Amino acid sequence: MPTLRTRLFQSYARLRRPMTLGVRAAVENAEGRVFLVRHTYVKGWYMPGGGVERGEPAIEALARELVEEAGVQLTGAPLLIGVYSNHPVFRNDHVLLYRVPHGEWSETPATSFGEIAETLWADPLDPPEGATPGTVKRLAEIYGNEGASPFWAGPRP
């Protein structure tokens, strides 16, 4: 269940932008693990990412969010995996998912303070307890044998 803070942000975002777009990335290390974050304002483990601002290209939003949340600086072109509907969570929301292979990024200090509670490198086929349904589904699609879905976390019930 979203917090009051999350609901207020979503209401504000809805007034500013009738359609929202987010970016997330499966950032891989040399061992084949993926970087996950746990935010201070919402439960669960997520791939790093966030919202695309008005007038901002998606790839620039991804680069910005990766530095902020993960301390990851893109050094090469990430691979676009897909575009997903996130309507059950927030009406008319979409997520672009990228894959950032090892060797296409370098470490840099994270610039977000107070937003990230915890980070970890996880086995993509065995994500930690508390990983969000969307995170689990996308990792299974990229690294396992699960078929692709147009929905981030699943269709509206």
Foldseek 3Di string as FASTA:
>chain_A
DADPVVVVVLVVVCVVDVAWEKEFEQEAAPVGWGKWFAWPRDFFIGGFITTADVPHDRVVRRQLRCQAGPQKHFQADWAWDDKADACQVHNNYIYTYTYHYHVGIDGGHHNHPRTTDDMDTHNLQQGDPRHAQLSNQVSCCVPHDDDDDRHSRDDHD
